[in-house]
Amino acid sequence: MIADITVTEKSFGPKMLMSGIKFSIDDAEKVGVIGRNGVGKSTLFGILAGEDKDFTGEIIYKRGTVVVATQQEHHELGDTTVLQYVLAGLPEYADLSHIIETYPETMGDDMKLINAYTDALQRFDDKGFYQIEEQIERELDNFQLPGIAHRPFTSLSGGQKRLVEVVKVMHSDAHLALVDEPTNHMDYVAKAQFIDWMQGAREAMLVITHDRDVLREVDRIIELKDGACVSYKGNYDAYLKQNAVSTGSQMNEFEMVEKRIANLKVKVIDYQRLKEKSRNPGTIQKFKRLEENSRKELMELQAKEKPTFWIDKESVENLNYKVASQYDKFKAKNIRMNLKNDDSRSKHIIVSARELSLGYDTPLFDKVTIDLREGEALELRGRNGAGKTTVIKSLLGDSSATVFSGEMSLDKNVRVGIYEQEVSSQYFELSLTDAIERMYLDKDLSISNTKVRNLLSDYLFTEGDGKTPINRLSGGQKARFQVISMLANDPQLLILDEPTNHLDLPSIEELETALKKYSGAILYVSHDGYFQNSIGGEVVQIGSR
């Protein structure tokens, strides 16, 4: 065992976020961490990394354990280059480099310093640090970040910073790696490289992810829910089966609690009446005691929050009648997407391209042909930078790219809904409620307070969330705002750019279910293998494979 983790209380103001987190991690074990948006996955990582000490519990690491974590926030880096940032994050590198660079000038004949210098040289070699800069630059190239090693880290986009964080962890040679959503901005080649490294890495690993391709390769899954955690042995497919069984048992227990609450309410009234009718002091005391005990038990049971119940759609279809009925009654609230599925819509061509070649100074790709009709799905597949986003932008009227050959067209009468990875900066300072209203008005759509409240409810936002500025929402909350924006104008064509990034597993499944019923056209980019299999459609390769 490399770590033993117990968090008995973690709160934010009056809100209790965690109250029963307890699990351990074995040497070299690969553990996926999942949970609904907002349950505290990133908060848990902050605790494990030692950045958050405001909790009750105990984090015990085996002596000598080196822990490394991907960072979400980056402050006061100044002109630090990407290479310098990665190197500074490697355990021992900075200290050894300092000794090697400074001791020759100061150690003289001091044998203690000479020995420290000699040991540092040997340790630097043992850690492979003489070749590390070349290895890091090669890894950056593999993740399609060529030439950025000597650029200021602060000049990178959010996606590029995330990839650099993964490279830092890959070269850290730590005992435990804490990796938060590593594949969100990776293309399919980079993701395959990450999964290969994860499978062969000697590090134990905790990976926060809802990427089912990654979860398929882990040894165990820990799910955070209702303030506690549940451990499932095996990968994602094993989790789905175990979760269906355990959720069935939990629903039985909860149903028994509900029945007990109903019985106690009746008993309280009965004991109260019997007490009032009694004339014998001993009998009065007896019924008073029974009433008080029943009230106490009733209060304790009513104080317990309803557990979160979720079973994947495929497993639900295999449930027996009784469990299926329970699930329909108790299942967790999920996002409600209102996609029209009017099959009477025509099947005319919406997007067309013939022998298309697009680019800027030079072509990014050539000879791309697209024929997308209403009711069909089409996937643009290619490496990051191959031109997928350029196709989408040009389709939507961006004229910055040059058409080197061929042609492309979009039916001008079609309403388009766009899911983008990043929320427009014009909404950053607005509260979620104001941002929804502004977004509707920007699209020349009518909006009312009632409509806003309904949208907040449909997409699992609380009243407090509605008052929160967009730039302070979590990644998952921002993703749900993007879905609201995409569907605002009842679109006939959906354009989705990596829609599963940041969404939790139930929300991803709801999105997939809604899209499969959708009768309009879908043009999408995704490196999620499960999502690709679910939506299907023709695959158009952009650039080389």
Protein backbone atom coordinates (compact mmCIF):
# COMPACT_ATOMS: atom_id res chain seq x y z
CA MET A 1 0.00 0.00 0.00
CA ILE A 2 1.32 3.42 -0.96
CA ALA A 3 -1.39 5.64 0.55
CA ASP A 4 -4.23 5.44 3.07
CA ILE A 5 -6.78 8.25 2.71
CA THR A 6 -9.48 9.32 5.16
CA VAL A 7 -11.50 12.56 4.91
CA THR A 8 -14.21 12.73 7.55
CA GLU A 9 -15.18 16.34 6.91
CA LYS A 10 -14.56 18.89 4.19
CA SER A 11 -16.89 21.88 4.05
CA PHE A 12 -17.26 25.14 2.20
CA GLY A 13 -19.05 27.48 4.58
CA PRO A 14 -22.30 25.77 5.67
CA LYS A 15 -22.13 23.22 2.84
CA MET A 16 -20.70 19.80 3.74
CA LEU A 17 -18.93 18.48 0.64
CA MET A 18 -17.35 15.29 2.05
CA SER A 19 -18.03 13.28 5.17
CA GLY A 20 -17.08 9.69 4.47
CA ILE A 21 -14.10 9.41 2.13
CA LYS A 22 -11.96 6.39 2.92
CA PHE A 23 -9.81 4.35 0.53
CA SER A 24 -6.25 3.18 -0.04
CA ILE A 25 -3.98 2.97 -3.07
CA ASP A 26 -1.61 0.10 -3.84
CA ASP A 27 1.80 0.41 -5.49
CA ALA A 28 1.52 0.90 -9.28
CA GLU A 29 -2.29 0.72 -9.11
CA LYS A 30 -4.21 2.75 -11.72
CA VAL A 31 -7.40 4.18 -10.22
CA GLY A 32 -10.07 6.17 -12.04
CA VAL A 33 -11.94 8.79 -9.98
CA ILE A 34 -15.46 9.62 -11.15
CA GLY A 35 -18.50 11.49 -9.82
CA ARG A 36 -21.12 14.03 -10.79
CA ASN A 37 -19.94 17.57 -11.48
CA GLY A 38 -19.46 19.42 -8.20
CA VAL A 39 -19.03 16.43 -5.85
CA GLY A 40 -15.46 17.45 -4.96
CA LYS A 41 -13.10 15.47 -7.20
CA SER A 42 -10.67 18.35 -7.74
CA THR A 43 -11.03 19.34 -4.07
CA LEU A 44 -9.97 15.81 -3.08
CA PHE A 45 -6.89 16.13 -5.31
CA GLY A 46 -6.01 19.41 -3.62
CA ILE A 47 -6.12 17.61 -0.27
CA LEU A 48 -4.00 14.70 -1.52
CA ALA A 49 -1.42 17.07 -3.02
CA GLY A 50 -1.11 18.91 0.29
CA GLU A 51 -2.45 22.18 -1.12
CA ASP A 52 -5.67 22.09 0.92
CA LYS A 53 -5.21 21.48 4.64
CA ASP A 54 -8.62 22.77 5.75
CA PHE A 55 -10.26 19.39 6.34
CA THR A 56 -10.75 16.78 9.04
CA GLY A 57 -9.13 13.43 8.40
CA GLU A 58 -5.76 11.89 7.73
CA ILE A 59 -3.67 11.33 4.60
CA ILE A 60 -0.93 8.76 5.23
CA TYR A 61 1.73 8.07 2.58
CA LYS A 62 4.30 5.31 2.78
CA ARG A 63 7.65 6.73 3.90
CA GLY A 64 9.58 8.26 1.01
CA THR A 65 6.58 8.50 -1.31
CA VAL A 66 6.92 11.21 -3.96
CA VAL A 67 3.59 12.68 -5.10
CA VAL A 68 3.16 14.78 -8.24
CA ALA A 69 -0.03 16.43 -9.47
CA THR A 70 -1.27 18.30 -12.51
CA GLN A 71 -2.03 21.92 -11.65
CA GLN A 72 -5.27 23.71 -12.51
CA GLU A 73 -4.11 27.23 -11.63
CA HIS A 74 -0.84 28.88 -12.63
CA HIS A 75 0.22 32.12 -10.93
CA GLU A 76 3.34 34.31 -10.77
CA LEU A 77 5.27 32.43 -13.45
CA GLY A 78 6.56 35.55 -15.17
CA ASP A 79 8.77 34.66 -18.15
CA THR A 80 9.20 31.01 -17.12
CA THR A 81 9.42 28.92 -20.27
CA VAL A 82 7.52 25.69 -20.84
CA LEU A 83 10.73 23.66 -20.47
CA GLN A 84 11.69 25.47 -17.25
CA TYR A 85 8.18 24.91 -15.87
CA VAL A 86 8.25 21.18 -16.58
CA LEU A 87 11.76 20.78 -15.17
CA ALA A 88 10.85 22.70 -12.01
CA GLY A 89 8.01 20.27 -11.44
CA LEU A 90 10.28 17.20 -11.50
CA PRO A 91 11.19 15.91 -8.03
CA GLU A 92 14.90 16.46 -7.20
CA TYR A 93 15.75 18.20 -10.49
CA ALA A 94 15.96 21.73 -9.10
CA ASP A 95 18.02 20.76 -6.03
CA LEU A 96 20.45 18.58 -8.00
CA SER A 97 20.85 21.21 -10.72
CA HIS A 98 21.60 23.85 -8.11
CA ILE A 99 24.37 21.71 -6.59
CA ILE A 100 25.90 20.83 -9.96
CA GLU A 101 25.84 24.44 -11.19
CA THR A 102 27.02 26.25 -8.03
CA TYR A 103 29.24 23.93 -5.98
CA PRO A 104 32.26 23.96 -8.35
CA GLU A 105 32.63 27.68 -7.65
CA THR A 106 32.36 27.42 -3.86
CA MET A 107 33.37 23.95 -2.62
CA GLY A 108 37.15 24.37 -2.81
CA ASP A 109 38.80 21.58 -0.77
CA ASP A 110 35.77 21.02 1.48
CA MET A 111 35.36 17.22 1.28
CA LYS A 112 31.78 17.38 2.55
CA LEU A 113 30.79 19.65 -0.34
CA ILE A 114 32.90 17.63 -2.81
CA ASN A 115 31.11 14.45 -1.76
CA ALA A 116 27.72 16.18 -2.05
CA TYR A 117 28.71 17.37 -5.54
CA THR A 118 29.87 13.89 -6.58
CA ASP A 119 26.68 12.31 -5.24
CA ALA A 120 24.59 14.89 -7.09
CA LEU A 121 26.35 14.10 -10.38
CA GLN A 122 25.66 10.39 -9.89
CA ARG A 123 22.03 10.95 -8.87
CA PHE A 124 21.49 13.33 -11.82
CA ASP A 125 22.76 10.59 -14.15
CA ASP A 126 20.72 7.86 -12.43
CA LYS A 127 17.54 9.92 -12.88
CA GLY A 128 18.29 10.38 -16.59
CA PHE A 129 18.35 14.16 -16.21
CA TYR A 130 21.20 14.66 -18.70
CA GLN A 131 18.84 13.63 -21.48
CA ILE A 132 15.66 15.01 -19.93
CA GLU A 133 15.42 18.24 -21.94
CA GLU A 134 15.59 16.36 -25.23
CA GLN A 135 13.03 13.80 -23.96
CA ILE A 136 10.62 16.52 -22.86
CA GLU A 137 10.85 18.33 -26.21
CA ARG A 138 10.22 15.01 -27.99
CA GLU A 139 7.18 14.33 -25.78
CA LEU A 140 5.83 17.82 -26.47
CA ASP A 141 6.17 17.07 -30.18
CA ASN A 142 4.26 13.81 -29.68
CA PHE A 143 1.41 15.79 -28.15
CA GLN A 144 1.49 18.18 -31.12
CA LEU A 145 3.15 21.02 -29.23
CA PRO A 146 6.25 21.46 -31.41
CA GLY A 147 8.47 24.45 -30.80
CA ILE A 148 6.82 25.58 -27.56
CA ALA A 149 9.53 24.36 -25.17
CA HIS A 150 11.17 27.78 -25.05
CA ARG A 151 8.00 29.87 -25.19
CA PRO A 152 6.68 31.53 -21.99
CA PHE A 153 4.33 29.14 -20.22
CA THR A 154 1.83 31.98 -19.72
CA SER A 155 1.47 32.37 -23.51
CA LEU A 156 -0.15 28.94 -23.89
CA SER A 157 -3.85 28.27 -24.26
CA GLY A 158 -5.75 26.40 -21.54
CA GLY A 159 -5.65 23.19 -23.58
CA GLN A 160 -1.91 23.49 -24.22
CA LYS A 161 -1.23 24.07 -20.51
CA ARG A 162 -3.17 20.90 -19.68
CA LEU A 163 -1.05 18.88 -22.12
CA VAL A 164 2.16 20.32 -20.65
CA GLU A 165 0.93 19.28 -17.19
CA VAL A 166 0.54 15.71 -18.47
CA VAL A 167 4.06 15.77 -19.92
CA LYS A 168 5.37 17.01 -16.55
CA VAL A 169 3.72 14.09 -14.76
CA MET A 170 4.97 11.58 -17.35
CA HIS A 171 8.58 12.62 -16.68
CA SER A 172 8.34 13.08 -12.92
CA ASP A 173 9.28 9.50 -11.98
CA ALA A 174 7.04 9.85 -8.91
CA HIS A 175 5.48 7.09 -6.81
CA LEU A 176 1.96 8.54 -7.06
CA ALA A 177 0.59 10.73 -9.85
CA LEU A 178 -2.61 12.76 -9.44
CA VAL A 179 -3.90 13.53 -12.94
CA ASP A 180 -7.01 15.67 -13.51
CA GLU A 181 -8.90 15.22 -16.83
CA PRO A 182 -5.72 14.47 -18.82
CA THR A 183 -7.28 13.71 -22.23
CA ASN A 184 -9.74 16.60 -22.60
CA HIS A 185 -7.66 18.37 -25.25
CA MET A 186 -5.88 15.39 -26.78
CA ASP A 187 -6.54 14.04 -30.25
CA TYR A 188 -6.87 10.30 -30.79
CA VAL A 189 -3.16 9.74 -31.40
CA ALA A 190 -2.05 11.69 -28.32
CA LYS A 191 -4.70 9.94 -26.23
CA ALA A 192 -3.49 6.53 -27.36
CA GLN A 193 0.05 7.55 -26.36
CA PHE A 194 -1.17 8.67 -22.93
CA ILE A 195 -3.06 5.40 -22.38
CA ASP A 196 0.01 3.38 -23.45
CA TRP A 197 2.13 5.30 -20.94
CA MET A 198 -0.49 4.90 -18.20
CA GLN A 199 -0.65 1.13 -18.74
CA GLY A 200 3.12 0.71 -18.49
CA ALA A 201 3.97 3.38 -15.92
CA ARG A 202 5.44 2.19 -12.62
CA GLU A 203 3.67 5.03 -10.80
CA ALA A 204 0.47 4.48 -8.90
CA MET A 205 -2.07 6.80 -10.42
CA LEU A 206 -5.31 8.54 -9.48
CA VAL A 207 -6.98 9.89 -12.62
CA ILE A 208 -10.02 12.14 -12.50
CA THR A 209 -11.71 11.44 -15.82
CA HIS A 210 -15.01 10.79 -17.53
CA ASP A 211 -13.16 9.60 -20.64
CA ARG A 212 -14.47 6.07 -20.94
CA ASP A 213 -11.54 5.05 -23.15
CA VAL A 214 -9.24 5.83 -20.21
CA LEU A 215 -11.57 4.26 -17.63
CA ARG A 216 -11.58 1.06 -19.67
CA GLU A 217 -7.85 0.66 -18.87
CA VAL A 218 -7.80 1.26 -15.08
CA ASP A 219 -7.52 -1.36 -12.32
CA ARG A 220 -10.20 0.16 -10.10
CA ILE A 221 -12.78 2.94 -10.09
CA ILE A 222 -13.59 5.13 -7.08
CA GLU A 223 -16.88 7.00 -7.32
CA LEU A 224 -17.52 10.06 -5.17
CA LYS A 225 -21.18 10.56 -4.32
CA ASP A 226 -23.32 11.77 -1.44
CA GLY A 227 -20.23 12.96 0.45
CA ALA A 228 -18.67 9.49 0.55
CA CYS A 229 -16.94 7.16 -1.89
CA VAL A 230 -17.51 3.67 -3.28
CA SER A 231 -14.71 1.49 -4.68
CA TYR A 232 -15.32 -0.82 -7.65
CA LYS A 233 -12.73 -3.40 -8.65
CA GLY A 234 -11.96 -3.51 -12.36
CA ASN A 235 -12.42 -1.16 -15.30
CA TYR A 236 -15.38 0.86 -16.63
CA ASP A 237 -17.31 -2.12 -17.98
CA ALA A 238 -16.91 -3.92 -14.64
CA TYR A 239 -18.03 -0.73 -12.84
CA LEU A 240 -21.26 -0.55 -14.84
CA LYS A 241 -22.20 -4.12 -13.87
CA GLN A 242 -21.27 -3.70 -10.19
CA ASN A 243 -22.99 -0.31 -10.01
CA ALA A 244 -26.25 -1.76 -11.33
CA VAL A 245 -26.23 -4.47 -8.63
CA SER A 246 -25.22 -2.17 -5.76
CA THR A 247 -27.70 0.51 -6.81
CA GLY A 248 -30.48 -2.10 -6.77
CA SER A 249 -29.55 -3.00 -3.18
CA GLN A 250 -29.36 0.67 -2.16
CA MET A 251 -32.81 1.34 -3.63
CA ASN A 252 -34.24 -1.58 -1.60
CA GLU A 253 -32.72 -0.14 1.56
CA PHE A 254 -34.00 3.35 0.77
CA GLU A 255 -37.49 2.02 0.04
CA MET A 256 -37.49 0.26 3.42
CA VAL A 257 -36.46 3.55 5.05
CA GLU A 258 -39.35 5.34 3.31
CA LYS A 259 -41.78 2.68 4.54
CA ARG A 260 -40.36 2.97 8.06
CA ILE A 261 -40.84 6.76 7.95
CA ALA A 262 -44.48 6.31 6.89
CA ASN A 263 -45.05 3.78 9.71
CA LEU A 264 -43.43 6.05 12.29
CA LYS A 265 -45.61 8.99 11.28
CA VAL A 266 -48.67 6.84 11.93
CA LYS A 267 -47.26 5.56 15.24
CA VAL A 268 -46.50 9.08 16.48
CA ILE A 269 -50.13 10.06 15.92
CA ASP A 270 -51.43 6.81 17.48
CA TYR A 271 -49.23 7.15 20.60
CA GLN A 272 -50.21 10.80 20.96
CA ARG A 273 -53.93 9.91 20.86
CA LEU A 274 -53.52 6.97 23.25
CA LYS A 275 -51.58 9.23 25.65
CA GLU A 276 -54.33 11.85 25.58
CA LYS A 277 -57.09 9.25 26.18
CA SER A 278 -55.31 7.52 29.04
CA ARG A 279 -56.13 8.30 32.67
CA ASN A 280 -53.59 6.08 34.38
CA PRO A 281 -50.29 7.99 35.06
CA GLY A 282 -48.19 4.91 34.30
CA THR A 283 -49.97 4.35 30.97
CA ILE A 284 -49.61 8.04 30.08
CA GLN A 285 -45.85 7.85 30.70
CA LYS A 286 -45.60 4.66 28.65
CA PHE A 287 -47.26 6.19 25.56
CA LYS A 288 -45.34 9.44 26.07
CA ARG A 289 -42.06 7.48 26.02
CA LEU A 290 -43.14 5.51 22.91
CA GLU A 291 -44.16 8.75 21.19
CA GLU A 292 -40.82 10.43 22.03
CA ASN A 293 -38.79 7.42 20.82
CA SER A 294 -40.79 7.28 17.59
CA ARG A 295 -40.34 11.03 17.02
CA LYS A 296 -36.60 10.73 17.64
CA GLU A 297 -36.21 7.86 15.17
CA LEU A 298 -38.42 9.69 12.65
CA MET A 299 -36.27 12.83 12.87
CA GLU A 300 -33.09 10.80 12.39
CA LEU A 301 -34.45 9.02 9.31
CA GLN A 302 -35.88 12.22 7.81
CA ALA A 303 -32.53 13.98 8.32
CA LYS A 304 -30.84 11.51 5.98
CA GLU A 305 -30.54 12.83 2.44
CA LYS A 306 -31.82 10.74 -0.41
CA PRO A 307 -28.91 8.78 -1.95
CA THR A 308 -27.91 9.36 -5.57
CA PHE A 309 -29.09 6.54 -7.82
CA TRP A 310 -27.76 6.19 -11.38
CA ILE A 311 -27.57 3.12 -13.62
CA ASP A 312 -26.38 3.27 -17.22
CA LYS A 313 -29.04 2.88 -19.88
CA GLU A 314 -27.89 -0.52 -21.13
CA SER A 315 -27.93 -2.01 -17.63
CA VAL A 316 -31.39 -0.51 -16.98
CA GLU A 317 -32.74 -2.43 -19.98
CA ASN A 318 -31.61 -5.69 -18.32
CA LEU A 319 -33.15 -4.99 -14.89
CA ASN A 320 -36.05 -7.11 -13.67
CA TYR A 321 -39.45 -5.45 -13.44
CA LYS A 322 -39.29 -4.67 -9.71
CA VAL A 323 -35.84 -3.05 -9.79
CA ALA A 324 -36.68 -1.17 -13.00
CA SER A 325 -39.80 0.26 -11.34
CA GLN A 326 -37.75 1.29 -8.30
CA TYR A 327 -35.17 2.96 -10.51
CA ASP A 328 -37.81 4.87 -12.43
CA LYS A 329 -39.08 6.15 -9.06
CA PHE A 330 -35.76 6.93 -7.37
CA LYS A 331 -33.25 7.69 -10.14
CA ALA A 332 -31.09 10.79 -9.83
CA LYS A 333 -32.19 13.89 -11.63
CA ASN A 334 -30.35 14.35 -14.90
CA ILE A 335 -30.16 17.09 -17.49
CA ARG A 336 -33.28 17.35 -19.67
CA MET A 337 -32.49 18.15 -23.28
CA ASN A 338 -35.40 19.29 -25.42
CA LEU A 339 -34.45 18.15 -28.91
CA LYS A 340 -37.24 17.95 -31.45
CA ASN A 341 -37.47 14.67 -33.32
CA ASP A 342 -40.05 15.52 -35.96
CA ASP A 343 -39.58 12.79 -38.54
CA SER A 344 -41.53 14.79 -41.11
CA ARG A 345 -38.50 17.02 -41.70
CA SER A 346 -37.07 16.69 -45.19
CA LYS A 347 -33.81 14.89 -45.95
CA HIS A 348 -32.26 17.59 -48.12
CA ILE A 349 -28.52 18.29 -48.19
CA ILE A 350 -27.44 20.66 -45.41
CA VAL A 351 -23.64 20.65 -45.73
CA SER A 352 -21.77 19.95 -48.93
CA ALA A 353 -18.08 20.01 -49.90
CA ARG A 354 -16.38 18.82 -53.07
CA GLU A 355 -12.63 18.20 -53.39
CA LEU A 356 -12.07 20.86 -50.73
CA SER A 357 -8.64 22.19 -49.81
CA LEU A 358 -8.42 24.79 -47.03
CA GLY A 359 -5.56 26.50 -45.26
CA TYR A 360 -3.78 29.75 -44.59
CA ASP A 361 -0.34 30.31 -46.12
CA THR A 362 -0.38 26.71 -47.35
CA PRO A 363 -3.16 24.08 -47.50
CA LEU A 364 -3.90 22.20 -44.30
CA PHE A 365 -5.54 19.35 -46.24
CA ASP A 366 -6.94 18.60 -49.66
CA LYS A 367 -9.62 16.57 -51.50
CA VAL A 368 -12.18 16.53 -48.68
CA THR A 369 -15.73 15.64 -49.71
CA ILE A 370 -18.76 16.11 -47.43
CA ASP A 371 -22.39 15.20 -48.09
CA LEU A 372 -24.47 15.70 -44.92
CA ARG A 373 -28.25 15.45 -45.05
CA GLU A 374 -30.89 16.08 -42.42
CA GLY A 375 -31.25 13.04 -40.20
CA GLU A 376 -27.62 12.01 -40.71
CA ALA A 377 -24.46 12.28 -38.60
CA LEU A 378 -20.95 12.98 -39.84
CA GLU A 379 -17.68 12.93 -37.90
CA LEU A 380 -14.70 15.09 -38.83
CA ARG A 381 -11.67 13.06 -37.77
CA GLY A 382 -8.07 14.20 -37.72
CA ARG A 383 -5.18 15.19 -35.51
CA ASN A 384 -5.15 18.48 -33.60
CA GLY A 385 -4.16 21.19 -36.07
CA ALA A 386 -5.18 19.15 -39.12
CA GLY A 387 -7.94 21.63 -40.00
CA LYS A 388 -11.15 20.30 -38.37
CA THR A 389 -11.88 23.62 -36.63
CA THR A 390 -10.95 25.49 -39.81
CA VAL A 391 -13.62 23.53 -41.70
CA ILE A 392 -16.24 24.39 -39.07
CA LYS A 393 -15.29 28.08 -38.93
CA SER A 394 -15.30 28.40 -42.72
CA LEU A 395 -18.65 26.64 -42.88
CA LEU A 396 -20.06 29.22 -40.46
CA GLY A 397 -18.83 32.16 -42.53
CA ASP A 398 -15.30 32.82 -41.23
CA SER A 399 -13.31 33.98 -44.26
CA SER A 400 -9.84 34.01 -42.66
CA ALA A 401 -8.91 30.67 -44.28
CA THR A 402 -8.11 30.38 -47.98
CA VAL A 403 -9.95 27.99 -50.27
CA PHE A 404 -7.14 26.55 -52.40
CA SER A 405 -9.43 24.30 -54.40
CA GLY A 406 -12.91 22.83 -54.39
CA GLU A 407 -15.99 24.31 -52.75
CA MET A 408 -18.10 24.07 -49.59
CA SER A 409 -21.63 25.22 -48.80
CA LEU A 410 -24.15 25.34 -45.96
CA ASP A 411 -27.90 25.65 -46.52
CA LYS A 412 -28.51 29.29 -45.54
CA ASN A 413 -32.05 28.57 -44.33
CA VAL A 414 -30.93 26.03 -41.74
CA ARG A 415 -30.87 26.94 -38.05
CA VAL A 416 -27.52 25.95 -36.57
CA GLY A 417 -26.70 25.07 -32.98
CA ILE A 418 -23.02 25.12 -32.02
CA TYR A 419 -21.34 23.45 -29.05
CA GLU A 420 -17.94 25.02 -28.48
CA GLN A 421 -15.21 24.00 -26.05
CA GLU A 422 -14.73 27.48 -24.63
CA VAL A 423 -17.41 29.88 -23.36
CA SER A 424 -17.29 33.27 -25.12
CA SER A 425 -15.42 35.85 -23.03
CA GLN A 426 -18.35 38.28 -23.35
CA TYR A 427 -20.22 36.18 -20.76
CA PHE A 428 -17.38 35.71 -18.26
CA GLU A 429 -18.33 38.48 -15.82
CA LEU A 430 -22.09 37.89 -16.05
CA SER A 431 -23.99 35.71 -13.59
CA LEU A 432 -25.28 32.46 -15.09
CA THR A 433 -28.85 33.84 -15.10
CA ASP A 434 -27.79 37.05 -16.86
CA ALA A 435 -25.56 35.09 -19.28
CA ILE A 436 -28.49 32.89 -20.37
CA GLU A 437 -30.65 35.97 -20.89
CA ARG A 438 -27.90 37.79 -22.81
CA MET A 439 -27.18 34.70 -24.94
CA TYR A 440 -30.85 34.40 -25.97
CA LEU A 441 -31.06 38.12 -26.82
CA ASP A 442 -27.80 37.89 -28.81
CA LYS A 443 -29.51 35.21 -30.91
CA ASP A 444 -32.63 37.44 -31.31
CA LEU A 445 -34.69 34.93 -29.31
CA SER A 446 -37.36 35.74 -26.74
CA ILE A 447 -36.58 34.94 -23.12
CA SER A 448 -38.45 35.35 -19.82
CA ASN A 449 -37.67 34.86 -16.14
CA THR A 450 -39.81 31.72 -16.15
CA LYS A 451 -37.88 30.33 -19.14
CA VAL A 452 -34.55 31.02 -17.40
CA ARG A 453 -35.73 29.30 -14.21
CA ASN A 454 -36.89 26.27 -16.22
CA LEU A 455 -33.54 26.06 -18.02
CA LEU A 456 -31.63 26.24 -14.73
CA SER A 457 -33.75 23.37 -13.39
CA ASP A 458 -33.49 21.29 -16.57
CA TYR A 459 -29.70 21.52 -16.52
CA LEU A 460 -29.25 20.82 -12.79
CA PHE A 461 -28.36 24.36 -11.71
CA THR A 462 -29.38 25.61 -8.26
CA GLU A 463 -30.66 29.09 -7.44
CA GLY A 464 -27.19 29.86 -6.06
CA ASP A 465 -25.57 28.72 -9.32
CA GLY A 466 -27.76 31.22 -11.17
CA LYS A 467 -26.13 34.08 -9.24
CA THR A 468 -22.57 32.81 -9.85
CA PRO A 469 -20.43 34.52 -12.53
CA ILE A 470 -19.69 32.30 -15.54
CA ASN A 471 -15.93 32.53 -14.95
CA ARG A 472 -16.39 30.95 -11.49
CA LEU A 473 -18.41 27.96 -12.66
CA SER A 474 -16.80 24.51 -12.84
CA GLY A 475 -15.84 22.97 -16.16
CA GLY A 476 -18.94 20.77 -16.08
CA GLN A 477 -21.24 23.71 -15.33
CA LYS A 478 -19.75 25.71 -18.21
CA ALA A 479 -20.29 22.69 -20.47
CA ARG A 480 -23.98 22.61 -19.52
CA PHE A 481 -24.26 26.33 -20.29
CA GLN A 482 -22.81 25.56 -23.73
CA VAL A 483 -25.49 22.90 -24.29
CA ILE A 484 -28.19 25.44 -23.38
CA SER A 485 -26.69 27.85 -25.91
CA MET A 486 -26.47 25.17 -28.61
CA LEU A 487 -30.16 24.25 -28.35
CA ALA A 488 -31.60 27.75 -27.84
CA ASN A 489 -32.81 28.27 -31.43
CA ASP A 490 -34.32 24.79 -32.03
CA PRO A 491 -31.50 23.94 -34.48
CA GLN A 492 -31.78 21.72 -37.54
CA LEU A 493 -28.00 21.25 -37.64
CA LEU A 494 -25.88 20.59 -34.58
CA ILE A 495 -22.14 21.24 -34.70
CA LEU A 496 -20.37 19.69 -31.73
CA ASP A 497 -16.68 20.19 -30.92
CA GLU A 498 -15.58 17.65 -28.26
CA PRO A 499 -18.95 17.76 -26.45
CA THR A 500 -18.07 15.14 -23.82
CA ASN A 501 -15.23 17.19 -22.31
CA HIS A 502 -16.12 18.15 -18.71
CA LEU A 503 -19.53 16.45 -18.70
CA ASP A 504 -20.02 13.72 -16.09
CA LEU A 505 -21.00 10.18 -17.10
CA PRO A 506 -24.79 10.49 -16.60
CA SER A 507 -24.82 13.76 -18.56
CA ILE A 508 -22.76 12.22 -21.37
CA GLU A 509 -25.24 9.35 -21.58
CA GLU A 510 -28.19 11.80 -21.62
CA LEU A 511 -26.49 13.74 -24.43
CA GLU A 512 -25.91 10.55 -26.44
CA THR A 513 -29.49 9.39 -25.90
CA ALA A 514 -30.93 12.73 -27.01
CA LEU A 515 -28.67 12.91 -30.07
CA LYS A 516 -29.65 9.41 -31.20
CA LYS A 517 -33.33 10.50 -31.21
CA TYR A 518 -32.59 13.79 -32.95
CA SER A 519 -33.93 14.04 -36.50
CA GLY A 520 -31.73 16.93 -37.64
CA ALA A 521 -28.17 16.69 -38.93
CA ILE A 522 -25.13 16.33 -36.68
CA LEU A 523 -21.59 17.39 -37.57
CA TYR A 524 -19.18 16.51 -34.78
CA VAL A 525 -15.57 16.26 -33.65
CA SER A 526 -14.85 13.81 -30.84
CA HIS A 527 -11.96 11.69 -29.66
CA ASP A 528 -14.23 9.72 -27.30
CA GLY A 529 -14.48 6.20 -28.73
CA TYR A 530 -17.71 5.43 -26.85
CA PHE A 531 -19.32 8.65 -28.14
CA GLN A 532 -18.20 7.88 -31.70
CA ASN A 533 -19.73 4.39 -31.50
CA SER A 534 -22.96 5.80 -30.07
CA ILE A 535 -23.52 8.58 -32.62
CA GLY A 536 -21.95 6.80 -35.58
CA GLY A 537 -22.33 8.34 -39.04
CA GLU A 538 -19.89 8.78 -41.89
CA VAL A 539 -16.27 9.53 -40.97
CA VAL A 540 -14.48 12.20 -43.03
CA GLN A 541 -10.72 12.20 -42.52
CA ILE A 542 -9.14 15.66 -42.36
CA GLY A 543 -5.43 15.52 -43.13
CA SER A 544 -3.27 12.43 -42.75
CA ARG A 545 -4.05 9.79 -40.16
